[in-house]
Amino acid sequence: MIPSSIVLFVCEHGAAKSILAAACFNKLAEEKGLHIRALARGTHPDSDLSPETVNGLQADGLTPPDLRPIKISTADLKGIDRIVTFCELPAEFRSNIKVENWQGVPAVSEDYARARDNILLRLHGLFDQIEREA
């Protein structure tokens, strides 16, 4: 990955898993001194962020990367180095960008801590992979 790169997290509603993953990713990247940032998008976004996600992030001292869910667009692919999905990625967004699917992450609305811990474990693996590729 190049020094200033972007990871795009995508979930169906753009209101929970992608928001949680992007917020945690950005915090970890900052702690590691890496010039990588994450964005969150949804394939069929809700009108508002999940209250469980917002409350959980606030309790963890984190801020959601966006104030509302944002629908993924082809413009989002500019400058993206990798896409991590929690859902099926529509065909128009599959290109020569690396795509990983993180299936099996618990629903944030059912258990924020369990979802967060699952995502954090995967993020640490992703950072190891990013650092190996650098």
N, C-alpha and C. Protein backbone atom coordinates (compact mmCIF):
# COMPACT_ATOMS: atom_id res chain seq x y z
N MET A 1 0.83 -1.19 0.00
CA MET A 1 0.00 0.00 0.00
C MET A 1 0.87 1.24 0.00
N ILE A 2 0.39 2.25 -0.62
CA ILE A 2 1.12 3.51 -0.64
C ILE A 2 0.88 4.26 0.68
N PRO A 3 1.76 5.19 1.05
CA PRO A 3 1.67 5.84 2.36
C PRO A 3 0.33 6.50 2.67
N SER A 4 -0.32 7.12 1.73
CA SER A 4 -1.61 7.75 1.98
C SER A 4 -2.67 6.97 1.24
N SER A 5 -3.20 5.94 1.87
CA SER A 5 -4.16 5.09 1.19
C SER A 5 -5.48 5.06 1.95
N ILE A 6 -6.47 4.47 1.30
CA ILE A 6 -7.82 4.45 1.84
C ILE A 6 -8.37 3.03 1.78
N VAL A 7 -9.00 2.62 2.87
CA VAL A 7 -9.72 1.36 2.94
C VAL A 7 -11.20 1.70 3.03
N LEU A 8 -12.01 1.03 2.24
CA LEU A 8 -13.45 1.26 2.22
C LEU A 8 -14.15 0.08 2.88
N PHE A 9 -14.89 0.35 3.95
CA PHE A 9 -15.70 -0.68 4.61
C PHE A 9 -17.14 -0.53 4.14
N VAL A 10 -17.75 -1.64 3.74
CA VAL A 10 -19.10 -1.61 3.18
C VAL A 10 -19.97 -2.64 3.88
N CYS A 11 -21.12 -2.17 4.38
CA CYS A 11 -22.13 -3.10 4.88
C CYS A 11 -23.46 -2.72 4.23
N GLU A 12 -24.44 -3.57 4.39
CA GLU A 12 -25.69 -3.35 3.67
C GLU A 12 -26.33 -2.01 4.01
N HIS A 13 -26.47 -1.71 5.28
CA HIS A 13 -27.20 -0.51 5.68
C HIS A 13 -26.31 0.70 5.95
N GLY A 14 -24.99 0.49 5.96
CA GLY A 14 -24.06 1.60 6.17
C GLY A 14 -24.25 2.30 7.51
N ALA A 15 -24.86 1.59 8.45
CA ALA A 15 -25.24 2.23 9.71
C ALA A 15 -24.59 1.60 10.93
N ALA A 16 -23.93 0.46 10.78
CA ALA A 16 -23.42 -0.22 11.96
C ALA A 16 -22.02 -0.80 11.72
N LYS A 17 -21.93 -1.96 11.07
CA LYS A 17 -20.64 -2.65 10.95
C LYS A 17 -19.60 -1.83 10.21
N SER A 18 -19.97 -1.21 9.10
CA SER A 18 -18.97 -0.42 8.36
C SER A 18 -18.56 0.81 9.15
N ILE A 19 -19.50 1.42 9.86
CA ILE A 19 -19.20 2.59 10.69
C ILE A 19 -18.28 2.19 11.84
N LEU A 20 -18.60 1.10 12.51
CA LEU A 20 -17.78 0.61 13.61
C LEU A 20 -16.37 0.26 13.13
N ALA A 21 -16.28 -0.45 12.01
CA ALA A 21 -14.98 -0.86 11.48
C ALA A 21 -14.14 0.35 11.08
N ALA A 22 -14.74 1.31 10.41
CA ALA A 22 -13.99 2.50 9.97
C ALA A 22 -13.51 3.32 11.17
N ALA A 23 -14.35 3.49 12.18
CA ALA A 23 -13.95 4.25 13.37
C ALA A 23 -12.78 3.57 14.09
N CYS A 24 -12.88 2.27 14.27
CA CYS A 24 -11.80 1.52 14.93
C CYS A 24 -10.53 1.52 14.07
N PHE A 25 -10.69 1.33 12.77
CA PHE A 25 -9.55 1.33 11.86
C PHE A 25 -8.80 2.66 11.94
N ASN A 26 -9.55 3.76 11.87
CA ASN A 26 -8.91 5.08 11.89
C ASN A 26 -8.16 5.33 13.20
N LYS A 27 -8.72 4.87 14.31
CA LYS A 27 -8.04 5.02 15.60
C LYS A 27 -6.75 4.20 15.62
N LEU A 28 -6.81 2.95 15.18
CA LEU A 28 -5.63 2.10 15.16
C LEU A 28 -4.56 2.63 14.22
N ALA A 29 -4.97 3.11 13.06
CA ALA A 29 -4.01 3.66 12.09
C ALA A 29 -3.30 4.87 12.70
N GLU A 30 -4.05 5.71 13.38
CA GLU A 30 -3.44 6.89 14.02
C GLU A 30 -2.46 6.46 15.11
N GLU A 31 -2.85 5.49 15.92
CA GLU A 31 -1.97 4.99 16.98
C GLU A 31 -0.68 4.40 16.42
N LYS A 32 -0.77 3.78 15.25
CA LYS A 32 0.40 3.17 14.61
C LYS A 32 1.20 4.17 13.80
N GLY A 33 0.70 5.40 13.69
CA GLY A 33 1.39 6.43 12.91
C GLY A 33 1.34 6.19 11.41
N LEU A 34 0.31 5.47 10.97
CA LEU A 34 0.16 5.16 9.55
C LEU A 34 -0.73 6.19 8.87
N HIS A 35 -0.41 6.52 7.64
CA HIS A 35 -1.19 7.48 6.86
C HIS A 35 -2.22 6.74 6.03
N ILE A 36 -3.05 6.01 6.72
CA ILE A 36 -4.12 5.24 6.09
C ILE A 36 -5.41 5.67 6.78
N ARG A 37 -6.46 5.80 6.00
CA ARG A 37 -7.73 6.11 6.63
C ARG A 37 -8.81 5.21 6.04
N ALA A 38 -9.92 5.16 6.76
CA ALA A 38 -11.03 4.31 6.33
C ALA A 38 -12.28 5.14 6.14
N LEU A 39 -13.09 4.70 5.18
CA LEU A 39 -14.40 5.26 4.93
C LEU A 39 -15.44 4.16 5.13
N ALA A 40 -16.67 4.56 5.43
CA ALA A 40 -17.77 3.61 5.60
C ALA A 40 -18.86 3.93 4.59
N ARG A 41 -19.40 2.89 3.99
CA ARG A 41 -20.49 3.06 3.02
C ARG A 41 -21.48 1.91 3.18
N GLY A 42 -22.67 2.10 2.59
CA GLY A 42 -23.70 1.07 2.59
C GLY A 42 -24.21 0.81 1.19
N THR A 43 -24.62 -0.42 0.93
CA THR A 43 -25.19 -0.74 -0.38
C THR A 43 -26.65 -0.29 -0.46
N HIS A 44 -27.36 -0.36 0.64
CA HIS A 44 -28.75 0.08 0.75
C HIS A 44 -28.88 0.80 2.09
N PRO A 45 -28.32 2.01 2.18
CA PRO A 45 -28.19 2.67 3.48
C PRO A 45 -29.51 3.02 4.17
N ASP A 46 -29.46 2.89 5.49
CA ASP A 46 -30.56 3.37 6.33
C ASP A 46 -30.52 4.90 6.33
N SER A 47 -31.53 5.50 6.90
CA SER A 47 -31.56 6.96 6.96
C SER A 47 -30.71 7.50 8.11
N ASP A 48 -30.49 6.68 9.15
CA ASP A 48 -29.71 7.11 10.32
C ASP A 48 -28.73 6.02 10.73
N LEU A 49 -27.70 6.44 11.46
CA LEU A 49 -26.77 5.48 12.04
C LEU A 49 -27.48 4.67 13.11
N SER A 50 -27.03 3.46 13.31
CA SER A 50 -27.58 2.61 14.34
C SER A 50 -27.31 3.22 15.72
N PRO A 51 -28.35 3.39 16.55
CA PRO A 51 -28.14 3.95 17.88
C PRO A 51 -27.16 3.12 18.72
N GLU A 52 -27.20 1.80 18.56
CA GLU A 52 -26.28 0.93 19.30
C GLU A 52 -24.84 1.21 18.89
N THR A 53 -24.62 1.47 17.61
CA THR A 53 -23.28 1.77 17.13
C THR A 53 -22.81 3.11 17.68
N VAL A 54 -23.63 4.12 17.58
CA VAL A 54 -23.26 5.45 18.05
C VAL A 54 -22.97 5.41 19.56
N ASN A 55 -23.87 4.79 20.33
CA ASN A 55 -23.68 4.72 21.78
C ASN A 55 -22.43 3.92 22.14
N GLY A 56 -22.22 2.81 21.45
CA GLY A 56 -21.04 1.99 21.71
C GLY A 56 -19.75 2.72 21.38
N LEU A 57 -19.72 3.39 20.24
CA LEU A 57 -18.53 4.16 19.87
C LEU A 57 -18.25 5.26 20.88
N GLN A 58 -19.30 5.97 21.29
CA GLN A 58 -19.11 7.02 22.29
C GLN A 58 -18.57 6.45 23.59
N ALA A 59 -19.08 5.31 24.03
CA ALA A 59 -18.59 4.67 25.25
C ALA A 59 -17.12 4.27 25.11
N ASP A 60 -16.71 3.96 23.89
CA ASP A 60 -15.31 3.59 23.62
C ASP A 60 -14.43 4.80 23.34
N GLY A 61 -15.01 6.00 23.41
CA GLY A 61 -14.24 7.22 23.16
C GLY A 61 -13.98 7.46 21.68
N LEU A 62 -14.81 6.90 20.83
CA LEU A 62 -14.65 7.05 19.38
C LEU A 62 -15.80 7.85 18.79
N THR A 63 -15.55 8.39 17.62
CA THR A 63 -16.55 9.16 16.90
C THR A 63 -16.85 8.45 15.58
N PRO A 64 -18.13 8.34 15.22
CA PRO A 64 -18.44 7.75 13.91
C PRO A 64 -17.79 8.58 12.80
N PRO A 65 -17.30 7.93 11.75
CA PRO A 65 -16.66 8.67 10.66
C PRO A 65 -17.64 9.52 9.86
N ASP A 66 -18.92 9.21 9.94
CA ASP A 66 -19.95 9.96 9.23
C ASP A 66 -21.13 10.19 10.16
N LEU A 67 -21.91 11.21 9.89
CA LEU A 67 -23.08 11.52 10.71
C LEU A 67 -24.33 10.78 10.26
N ARG A 68 -24.26 10.21 9.07
CA ARG A 68 -25.38 9.44 8.53
C ARG A 68 -24.82 8.39 7.57
N PRO A 69 -25.56 7.33 7.32
CA PRO A 69 -25.11 6.34 6.33
C PRO A 69 -25.01 6.96 4.94
N ILE A 70 -24.00 6.52 4.20
CA ILE A 70 -23.77 7.02 2.84
C ILE A 70 -23.78 5.85 1.87
N LYS A 71 -24.52 6.00 0.78
CA LYS A 71 -24.59 4.96 -0.24
C LYS A 71 -23.28 4.91 -1.02
N ILE A 72 -22.78 3.72 -1.24
CA ILE A 72 -21.56 3.55 -2.02
C ILE A 72 -21.80 4.00 -3.45
N SER A 73 -20.81 4.65 -4.03
CA SER A 73 -20.89 5.09 -5.42
C SER A 73 -19.56 4.76 -6.11
N THR A 74 -19.57 4.78 -7.42
CA THR A 74 -18.33 4.50 -8.14
C THR A 74 -17.28 5.57 -7.85
N ALA A 75 -17.71 6.78 -7.51
CA ALA A 75 -16.75 7.84 -7.14
C ALA A 75 -15.96 7.47 -5.89
N ASP A 76 -16.56 6.64 -5.02
CA ASP A 76 -15.86 6.20 -3.80
C ASP A 76 -14.64 5.34 -4.10
N LEU A 77 -14.60 4.76 -5.29
CA LEU A 77 -13.51 3.85 -5.63
C LEU A 77 -12.21 4.57 -5.97
N LYS A 78 -12.30 5.87 -6.21
CA LYS A 78 -11.10 6.64 -6.55
C LYS A 78 -10.19 6.72 -5.32
N GLY A 79 -8.98 6.24 -5.48
CA GLY A 79 -8.00 6.28 -4.40
C GLY A 79 -8.13 5.15 -3.39
N ILE A 80 -9.07 4.25 -3.59
CA ILE A 80 -9.27 3.13 -2.67
C ILE A 80 -8.24 2.04 -2.98
N ASP A 81 -7.64 1.53 -1.92
CA ASP A 81 -6.67 0.45 -2.09
C ASP A 81 -7.27 -0.92 -1.79
N ARG A 82 -8.33 -0.91 -1.00
CA ARG A 82 -8.91 -2.18 -0.57
C ARG A 82 -10.34 -1.93 -0.11
N ILE A 83 -11.20 -2.91 -0.37
CA ILE A 83 -12.58 -2.86 0.10
C ILE A 83 -12.78 -4.06 1.03
N VAL A 84 -13.37 -3.79 2.18
CA VAL A 84 -13.75 -4.85 3.11
C VAL A 84 -15.27 -4.81 3.22
N THR A 85 -15.91 -5.91 2.89
CA THR A 85 -17.37 -5.96 2.90
C THR A 85 -17.89 -6.84 4.01
N PHE A 86 -19.07 -6.49 4.48
CA PHE A 86 -19.81 -7.31 5.45
C PHE A 86 -21.08 -7.83 4.78
N CYS A 87 -21.19 -7.60 3.46
CA CYS A 87 -22.36 -7.98 2.69
C CYS A 87 -21.92 -8.29 1.26
N GLU A 88 -22.87 -8.61 0.43
CA GLU A 88 -22.57 -8.84 -0.99
C GLU A 88 -22.27 -7.50 -1.65
N LEU A 89 -21.14 -7.43 -2.32
CA LEU A 89 -20.75 -6.20 -3.00
C LEU A 89 -21.32 -6.22 -4.42
N PRO A 90 -22.11 -5.21 -4.79
CA PRO A 90 -22.67 -5.17 -6.15
C PRO A 90 -21.56 -5.23 -7.21
N ALA A 91 -21.88 -5.85 -8.33
CA ALA A 91 -20.91 -6.09 -9.39
C ALA A 91 -20.21 -4.83 -9.88
N GLU A 92 -20.92 -3.70 -9.92
CA GLU A 92 -20.29 -2.48 -10.46
C GLU A 92 -19.16 -1.96 -9.57
N PHE A 93 -19.03 -2.49 -8.37
CA PHE A 93 -17.97 -2.04 -7.48
C PHE A 93 -16.81 -3.03 -7.39
N ARG A 94 -16.92 -4.11 -8.13
CA ARG A 94 -15.83 -5.08 -8.18
C ARG A 94 -14.94 -4.73 -9.36
N SER A 95 -13.72 -4.36 -9.06
CA SER A 95 -12.79 -3.99 -10.13
C SER A 95 -11.45 -4.61 -9.81
N ASN A 96 -10.39 -3.89 -10.09
CA ASN A 96 -9.06 -4.43 -9.79
C ASN A 96 -8.63 -4.09 -8.36
N ILE A 97 -9.55 -3.65 -7.53
CA ILE A 97 -9.27 -3.35 -6.13
C ILE A 97 -9.41 -4.63 -5.33
N LYS A 98 -8.52 -4.82 -4.34
CA LYS A 98 -8.61 -5.98 -3.46
C LYS A 98 -9.92 -5.91 -2.68
N VAL A 99 -10.65 -7.03 -2.65
CA VAL A 99 -11.91 -7.10 -1.91
C VAL A 99 -11.84 -8.27 -0.94
N GLU A 100 -12.15 -7.99 0.32
CA GLU A 100 -12.24 -9.02 1.35
C GLU A 100 -13.65 -9.02 1.89
N ASN A 101 -14.19 -10.20 2.17
CA ASN A 101 -15.51 -10.28 2.77
C ASN A 101 -15.37 -10.82 4.18
N TRP A 102 -15.83 -10.04 5.13
CA TRP A 102 -15.78 -10.43 6.54
C TRP A 102 -17.14 -10.94 6.98
N GLN A 103 -17.44 -12.18 6.61
CA GLN A 103 -18.69 -12.80 7.01
C GLN A 103 -18.61 -13.23 8.47
N GLY A 104 -19.75 -13.35 9.08
CA GLY A 104 -19.81 -13.90 10.43
C GLY A 104 -19.61 -12.90 11.56
N VAL A 105 -19.54 -11.62 11.24
CA VAL A 105 -19.44 -10.62 12.30
C VAL A 105 -20.83 -10.50 12.94
N PRO A 106 -20.91 -10.61 14.26
CA PRO A 106 -22.21 -10.51 14.93
C PRO A 106 -22.89 -9.16 14.66
N ALA A 107 -24.20 -9.14 14.75
CA ALA A 107 -24.96 -7.91 14.55
C ALA A 107 -24.66 -6.94 15.69
N VAL A 108 -24.34 -5.71 15.34
CA VAL A 108 -24.04 -4.68 16.32
C VAL A 108 -25.26 -4.42 17.19
N SER A 109 -26.45 -4.48 16.60
CA SER A 109 -27.68 -4.20 17.34
C SER A 109 -27.96 -5.25 18.41
N GLU A 110 -27.42 -6.44 18.25
CA GLU A 110 -27.64 -7.50 19.23
C GLU A 110 -26.59 -7.53 20.32
N ASP A 111 -25.34 -7.20 19.96
CA ASP A 111 -24.26 -7.25 20.96
C ASP A 111 -23.08 -6.42 20.44
N TYR A 112 -23.10 -5.14 20.81
CA TYR A 112 -22.06 -4.22 20.34
C TYR A 112 -20.66 -4.72 20.69
N ALA A 113 -20.45 -5.11 21.94
CA ALA A 113 -19.11 -5.52 22.39
C ALA A 113 -18.61 -6.73 21.61
N ARG A 114 -19.47 -7.68 21.38
CA ARG A 114 -19.06 -8.87 20.63
C ARG A 114 -18.73 -8.51 19.18
N ALA A 115 -19.54 -7.66 18.57
CA ALA A 115 -19.27 -7.22 17.19
C ALA A 115 -17.96 -6.44 17.14
N ARG A 116 -17.78 -5.51 18.08
CA ARG A 116 -16.56 -4.70 18.12
C ARG A 116 -15.32 -5.58 18.28
N ASP A 117 -15.38 -6.53 19.21
CA ASP A 117 -14.23 -7.40 19.45
C ASP A 117 -13.91 -8.25 18.23
N ASN A 118 -14.93 -8.73 17.54
CA ASN A 118 -14.73 -9.51 16.33
C ASN A 118 -14.08 -8.66 15.25
N ILE A 119 -14.57 -7.45 15.09
CA ILE A 119 -13.99 -6.53 14.08
C ILE A 119 -12.57 -6.16 14.45
N LEU A 120 -12.31 -5.87 15.73
CA LEU A 120 -10.95 -5.51 16.16
C LEU A 120 -9.96 -6.64 15.87
N LEU A 121 -10.36 -7.86 16.13
CA LEU A 121 -9.49 -9.01 15.84
C LEU A 121 -9.16 -9.06 14.36
N ARG A 122 -10.14 -8.85 13.52
CA ARG A 122 -9.92 -8.85 12.07
C ARG A 122 -9.08 -7.64 11.63
N LEU A 123 -9.29 -6.50 12.28
CA LEU A 123 -8.51 -5.31 11.95
C LEU A 123 -7.03 -5.51 12.24
N HIS A 124 -6.72 -6.15 13.35
CA HIS A 124 -5.31 -6.42 13.66
C HIS A 124 -4.68 -7.29 12.59
N GLY A 125 -5.42 -8.28 12.10
CA GLY A 125 -4.93 -9.10 11.00
C GLY A 125 -4.77 -8.30 9.72
N LEU A 126 -5.70 -7.38 9.48
CA LEU A 126 -5.62 -6.52 8.29
C LEU A 126 -4.40 -5.61 8.37
N PHE A 127 -4.15 -5.04 9.54
CA PHE A 127 -2.97 -4.18 9.69
C PHE A 127 -1.68 -4.98 9.49
N ASP A 128 -1.65 -6.21 9.99
CA ASP A 128 -0.46 -7.05 9.75
C ASP A 128 -0.27 -7.26 8.26
N GLN A 129 -1.35 -7.52 7.54
CA GLN A 129 -1.29 -7.72 6.10
C GLN A 129 -0.84 -6.44 5.40
N ILE A 130 -1.38 -5.31 5.79
CA ILE A 130 -1.00 -4.02 5.19
C ILE A 130 0.47 -3.74 5.40
N GLU A 131 0.96 -3.99 6.61
CA GLU A 131 2.37 -3.72 6.91
C GLU A 131 3.29 -4.66 6.13
N ARG A 132 2.87 -5.90 5.90
CA ARG A 132 3.67 -6.84 5.09
C ARG A 132 3.73 -6.38 3.64
N GLU A 133 2.65 -5.78 3.15
CA GLU A 133 2.57 -5.35 1.76
C GLU A 133 3.30 -4.04 1.51
N ALA A 134 3.56 -3.29 2.56
CA ALA A 134 4.19 -1.96 2.40
C ALA A 134 5.62 -2.05 1.92
